[in-house]
């Protein structure tokens, strides 16, 4: 019993306990990401698309015949890491791999009808999830947040 109480007290820290961290962008981004990621996964359900899989499907839907290399570059992941994502989408019947004319080593990805429908359904759920998470922000604050995050992303591009 005393151990459980001590554990709870240790988990209940005030901002002053780690004041240096509170001022760091990376710390706040990571903490916010953990919350966003967990809610995203909860919103889409156990068999739903994981965030990286959703992102890949979004790009495949919007950029027909995107190559796997281009998709990996746009997602900011290693091409080898894309294999599992592509396999998942293909196993669900959401994408097909197609040869690229003139280069047999390269494959392009195209969304199937089922993939497009699944993406649109997931997109509605993701938008609702984000609206719920950002409900304490004004529309202007939410727009500013996304704009600032895009600026940070552009540094890495």
C-alpha atoms as a PDB file:
ATOM      1  CA  UNK A   1       0.000   0.000   0.000  1.00  0.00           C
ATOM      2  CA  UNK A   2       2.765   2.439   0.950  1.00  0.00           C
ATOM      3  CA  UNK A   3       4.566   1.561  -2.303  1.00  0.00           C
ATOM      4  CA  UNK A   4       1.485   2.455  -4.398  1.00  0.00           C
ATOM      5  CA  UNK A   5       1.072   5.769  -2.557  1.00  0.00           C
ATOM      6  CA  UNK A   6       4.733   6.626  -3.077  1.00  0.00           C
ATOM      7  CA  UNK A   7       4.454   5.759  -6.782  1.00  0.00           C
ATOM      8  CA  UNK A   8       1.407   8.020  -7.167  1.00  0.00           C
ATOM      9  CA  UNK A   9       3.143  10.871  -5.380  1.00  0.00           C
ATOM     10  CA  UNK A  10       6.190  10.436  -7.608  1.00  0.00           C
ATOM     11  CA  UNK A  11       3.987  10.597 -10.703  1.00  0.00           C
ATOM     12  CA  UNK A  12       2.319  13.806  -9.520  1.00  0.00           C
ATOM     13  CA  UNK A  13       5.006  16.355 -10.236  1.00  0.00           C
ATOM     14  CA  UNK A  14       4.579  20.069 -10.614  1.00  0.00           C
ATOM     15  CA  UNK A  15       6.089  22.129 -13.433  1.00  0.00           C
ATOM     16  CA  UNK A  16       8.648  23.437 -10.946  1.00  0.00           C
ATOM     17  CA  UNK A  17      10.042  19.899 -10.526  1.00  0.00           C
ATOM     18  CA  UNK A  18      11.403  20.010 -14.079  1.00  0.00           C
ATOM     19  CA  UNK A  19      11.262  23.730 -14.907  1.00  0.00           C
ATOM     20  CA  UNK A  20      14.155  23.528 -17.383  1.00  0.00           C
ATOM     21  CA  UNK A  21      12.249  20.974 -19.448  1.00  0.00           C
ATOM     22  CA  UNK A  22       9.100  23.095 -19.551  1.00  0.00           C
ATOM     23  CA  UNK A  23      10.930  25.698 -21.639  1.00  0.00           C
ATOM     24  CA  UNK A  24      12.337  23.250 -24.206  1.00  0.00           C
ATOM     25  CA  UNK A  25      10.610  22.861 -27.565  1.00  0.00           C
ATOM     26  CA  UNK A  26      11.729  19.253 -28.002  1.00  0.00           C
ATOM     27  CA  UNK A  27      10.388  18.191 -24.619  1.00  0.00           C
ATOM     28  CA  UNK A  28       7.014  19.820 -25.242  1.00  0.00           C
ATOM     29  CA  UNK A  29       6.768  18.454 -28.785  1.00  0.00           C
ATOM     30  CA  UNK A  30       7.534  14.939 -27.580  1.00  0.00           C
ATOM     31  CA  UNK A  31       5.038  15.110 -24.714  1.00  0.00           C
ATOM     32  CA  UNK A  32       2.373  16.507 -27.058  1.00  0.00           C
ATOM     33  CA  UNK A  33       3.172  13.825 -29.670  1.00  0.00           C
ATOM     34  CA  UNK A  34       2.699  11.037 -27.131  1.00  0.00           C
ATOM     35  CA  UNK A  35      -0.786  12.362 -26.363  1.00  0.00           C
ATOM     36  CA  UNK A  36      -1.690  12.906 -30.033  1.00  0.00           C
ATOM     37  CA  UNK A  37      -0.374   9.474 -31.056  1.00  0.00           C
ATOM     38  CA  UNK A  38      -2.233   7.629 -28.287  1.00  0.00           C
ATOM     39  CA  UNK A  39      -5.504   9.392 -29.080  1.00  0.00           C
ATOM     40  CA  UNK A  40      -5.014   8.809 -32.826  1.00  0.00           C
ATOM     41  CA  UNK A  41      -4.604   5.077 -32.234  1.00  0.00           C
ATOM     42  CA  UNK A  42      -7.596   5.005 -29.865  1.00  0.00           C
ATOM     43  CA  UNK A  43      -9.743   6.887 -32.396  1.00  0.00           C
ATOM     44  CA  UNK A  44      -8.938   4.544 -35.276  1.00  0.00           C
ATOM     45  CA  UNK A  45      -9.258   1.430 -33.138  1.00  0.00           C
ATOM     46  CA  UNK A  46      -7.197  -1.687 -32.681  1.00  0.00           C
ATOM     47  CA  UNK A  47      -7.426  -2.746 -36.329  1.00  0.00           C
ATOM     48  CA  UNK A  48      -7.217   0.811 -37.662  1.00  0.00           C
ATOM     49  CA  UNK A  49      -4.400   2.433 -39.534  1.00  0.00           C
ATOM     50  CA  UNK A  50      -1.350   3.429 -37.507  1.00  0.00           C
ATOM     51  CA  UNK A  51      -0.214   7.048 -38.005  1.00  0.00           C
ATOM     52  CA  UNK A  52       2.610   6.165 -40.435  1.00  0.00           C
ATOM     53  CA  UNK A  53       0.347   3.822 -42.400  1.00  0.00           C
ATOM     54  CA  UNK A  54      -2.366   6.494 -42.578  1.00  0.00           C
ATOM     55  CA  UNK A  55       0.194   9.052 -43.790  1.00  0.00           C
ATOM     56  CA  UNK A  56       1.476   6.670 -46.457  1.00  0.00           C
ATOM     57  CA  UNK A  57      -2.029   5.894 -47.679  1.00  0.00           C
ATOM     58  CA  UNK A  58      -2.833   9.607 -47.821  1.00  0.00           C
ATOM     59  CA  UNK A  59       0.139  10.285 -50.086  1.00  0.00           C
ATOM     60  CA  UNK A  60      -0.607   7.243 -52.257  1.00  0.00           C
ATOM     61  CA  UNK A  61      -4.214   8.408 -52.711  1.00  0.00           C
ATOM     62  CA  UNK A  62      -3.152  11.961 -53.574  1.00  0.00           C
ATOM     63  CA  UNK A  63      -0.126  11.103 -55.721  1.00  0.00           C
ATOM     64  CA  UNK A  64      -1.130   8.186 -57.959  1.00  0.00           C
ATOM     65  CA  UNK A  65       1.748   5.943 -59.041  1.00  0.00           C
ATOM     66  CA  UNK A  66       4.145   7.391 -56.465  1.00  0.00           C
ATOM     67  CA  UNK A  67       7.323   5.345 -56.282  1.00  0.00           C
ATOM     68  CA  UNK A  68       8.277   3.671 -53.042  1.00  0.00           C
ATOM     69  CA  UNK A  69      11.473   5.734 -52.908  1.00  0.00           C
ATOM     70  CA  UNK A  70       9.561   8.999 -53.311  1.00  0.00           C
ATOM     71  CA  UNK A  71       7.028   7.924 -50.698  1.00  0.00           C
ATOM     72  CA  UNK A  72       9.782   7.098 -48.202  1.00  0.00           C
ATOM     73  CA  UNK A  73      11.440  10.468 -48.860  1.00  0.00           C
ATOM     74  CA  UNK A  74       8.186  12.390 -48.379  1.00  0.00           C
ATOM     75  CA  UNK A  75       7.453  10.520 -45.137  1.00  0.00           C
ATOM     76  CA  UNK A  76      10.999  11.062 -43.879  1.00  0.00           C
ATOM     77  CA  UNK A  77      11.674   7.366 -43.329  1.00  0.00           C
ATOM     78  CA  UNK A  78      14.193   4.882 -44.665  1.00  0.00           C
ATOM     79  CA  UNK A  79      13.065   3.012 -47.754  1.00  0.00           C
ATOM     80  CA  UNK A  80      13.587  -0.248 -45.868  1.00  0.00           C
ATOM     81  CA  UNK A  81      11.125   0.982 -43.225  1.00  0.00           C
ATOM     82  CA  UNK A  82       8.537   1.535 -45.906  1.00  0.00           C
ATOM     83  CA  UNK A  83       8.423  -2.163 -46.799  1.00  0.00           C
ATOM     84  CA  UNK A  84       6.366  -3.100 -43.729  1.00  0.00           C
ATOM     85  CA  UNK A  85       3.989  -0.183 -44.301  1.00  0.00           C
ATOM     86  CA  UNK A  86       3.500  -1.104 -47.953  1.00  0.00           C
ATOM     87  CA  UNK A  87       3.039  -4.777 -47.060  1.00  0.00           C
ATOM     88  CA  UNK A  88       0.373  -3.800 -44.510  1.00  0.00           C
ATOM     89  CA  UNK A  89      -1.508  -1.642 -47.019  1.00  0.00           C
ATOM     90  CA  UNK A  90      -1.241  -4.304 -49.706  1.00  0.00           C
ATOM     91  CA  UNK A  91      -2.447  -7.063 -47.327  1.00  0.00           C
ATOM     92  CA  UNK A  92      -5.503  -4.942 -46.506  1.00  0.00           C
ATOM     93  CA  UNK A  93      -6.216  -4.571 -50.224  1.00  0.00           C
ATOM     94  CA  UNK A  94      -5.682  -0.803 -50.077  1.00  0.00           C
ATOM     95  CA  UNK A  95      -2.773  -0.488 -52.521  1.00  0.00           C
ATOM     96  CA  UNK A  96      -1.239  -2.331 -55.421  1.00  0.00           C
ATOM     97  CA  UNK A  97       2.350  -2.315 -56.594  1.00  0.00           C
ATOM     98  CA  UNK A  98       2.875  -1.648 -60.268  1.00  0.00           C
ATOM     99  CA  UNK A  99       6.002  -1.732 -62.407  1.00  0.00           C
ATOM    100  CA  UNK A 100       7.325   1.602 -63.637  1.00  0.00           C
ATOM    101  CA  UNK A 101       7.732   1.611 -67.429  1.00  0.00           C
ATOM    102  CA  UNK A 102      11.378   1.835 -68.369  1.00  0.00           C
ATOM    103  CA  UNK A 103      12.756   0.760 -64.986  1.00  0.00           C
ATOM    104  CA  UNK A 104      11.985  -2.763 -63.814  1.00  0.00           C
ATOM    105  CA  UNK A 105      13.746  -2.147 -60.474  1.00  0.00           C
ATOM    106  CA  UNK A 106      11.245   0.511 -59.421  1.00  0.00           C
ATOM    107  CA  UNK A 107       7.666  -0.066 -58.322  1.00  0.00           C
ATOM    108  CA  UNK A 108       4.919   2.500 -58.108  1.00  0.00           C
ATOM    109  CA  UNK A 109       2.070   2.381 -55.643  1.00  0.00           C
ATOM    110  CA  UNK A 110      -1.566   3.045 -56.469  1.00  0.00           C
ATOM    111  CA  UNK A 111      -4.571   3.108 -54.174  1.00  0.00           C
ATOM    112  CA  UNK A 112      -7.341   0.648 -54.863  1.00  0.00           C
ATOM    113  CA  UNK A 113     -11.014   1.597 -54.671  1.00  0.00           C
ATOM    114  CA  UNK A 114     -11.101   0.001 -51.200  1.00  0.00           C
ATOM    115  CA  UNK A 115      -7.980   1.954 -50.233  1.00  0.00           C
ATOM    116  CA  UNK A 116      -9.509   5.265 -51.285  1.00  0.00           C
ATOM    117  CA  UNK A 117     -12.695   4.487 -49.345  1.00  0.00           C
ATOM    118  CA  UNK A 118     -10.726   3.421 -46.251  1.00  0.00           C
ATOM    119  CA  UNK A 119      -8.639   6.591 -46.457  1.00  0.00           C
ATOM    120  CA  UNK A 120     -11.702   8.857 -46.640  1.00  0.00           C
ATOM    121  CA  UNK A 121     -13.295   7.077 -43.685  1.00  0.00           C
ATOM    122  CA  UNK A 122     -10.076   7.268 -41.643  1.00  0.00           C
ATOM    123  CA  UNK A 123      -9.634  10.931 -42.579  1.00  0.00           C
ATOM    124  CA  UNK A 124     -13.017  11.791 -41.063  1.00  0.00           C
ATOM    125  CA  UNK A 125     -12.020   9.997 -37.860  1.00  0.00           C
ATOM    126  CA  UNK A 126      -8.612  11.722 -37.779  1.00  0.00           C
ATOM    127  CA  UNK A 127     -10.205  15.137 -38.280  1.00  0.00           C
ATOM    128  CA  UNK A 128     -12.625  14.459 -35.414  1.00  0.00           C
ATOM    129  CA  UNK A 129      -9.715  13.284 -33.240  1.00  0.00           C
ATOM    130  CA  UNK A 130      -7.758  16.475 -33.967  1.00  0.00           C
ATOM    131  CA  UNK A 131     -10.794  18.682 -33.376  1.00  0.00           C
ATOM    132  CA  UNK A 132     -11.263  17.000 -29.997  1.00  0.00           C
ATOM    133  CA  UNK A 133      -7.589  17.436 -29.057  1.00  0.00           C
ATOM    134  CA  UNK A 134      -7.503  21.073 -30.143  1.00  0.00           C
ATOM    135  CA  UNK A 135     -10.905  21.997 -28.730  1.00  0.00           C
ATOM    136  CA  UNK A 136      -9.332  24.312 -26.122  1.00  0.00           C
ATOM    137  CA  UNK A 137      -7.645  26.328 -28.884  1.00  0.00           C
ATOM    138  CA  UNK A 138      -9.333  29.017 -30.926  1.00  0.00           C
ATOM    139  CA  UNK A 139      -9.380  28.441 -34.699  1.00  0.00           C
ATOM    140  CA  UNK A 140      -6.640  31.079 -35.021  1.00  0.00           C
ATOM    141  CA  UNK A 141      -4.497  29.336 -32.389  1.00  0.00           C
ATOM    142  CA  UNK A 142      -4.930  25.960 -34.106  1.00  0.00           C
ATOM    143  CA  UNK A 143      -3.957  27.526 -37.436  1.00  0.00           C
ATOM    144  CA  UNK A 144      -0.916  29.158 -35.826  1.00  0.00           C
ATOM    145  CA  UNK A 145       0.112  25.847 -34.244  1.00  0.00           C
ATOM    146  CA  UNK A 146       0.000  24.003 -37.562  1.00  0.00           C
ATOM    147  CA  UNK A 147       1.833  26.852 -39.290  1.00  0.00           C
ATOM    148  CA  UNK A 148       4.610  26.837 -36.703  1.00  0.00           C
ATOM    149  CA  UNK A 149       4.975  23.059 -36.899  1.00  0.00           C
ATOM    150  CA  UNK A 150       5.248  23.325 -40.707  1.00  0.00           C
ATOM    151  CA  UNK A 151       8.023  25.892 -40.296  1.00  0.00           C
ATOM    152  CA  UNK A 152       9.938  23.507 -38.062  1.00  0.00           C
ATOM    153  CA  UNK A 153       9.420  20.681 -40.572  1.00  0.00           C
ATOM    154  CA  UNK A 154      10.793  22.851 -43.396  1.00  0.00           C
ATOM    155  CA  UNK A 155      14.100  23.099 -41.547  1.00  0.00           C
ATOM    156  CA  UNK A 156      14.544  19.356 -42.014  1.00  0.00           C
ATOM    157  CA  UNK A 157      13.463  19.287 -45.673  1.00  0.00           C
END
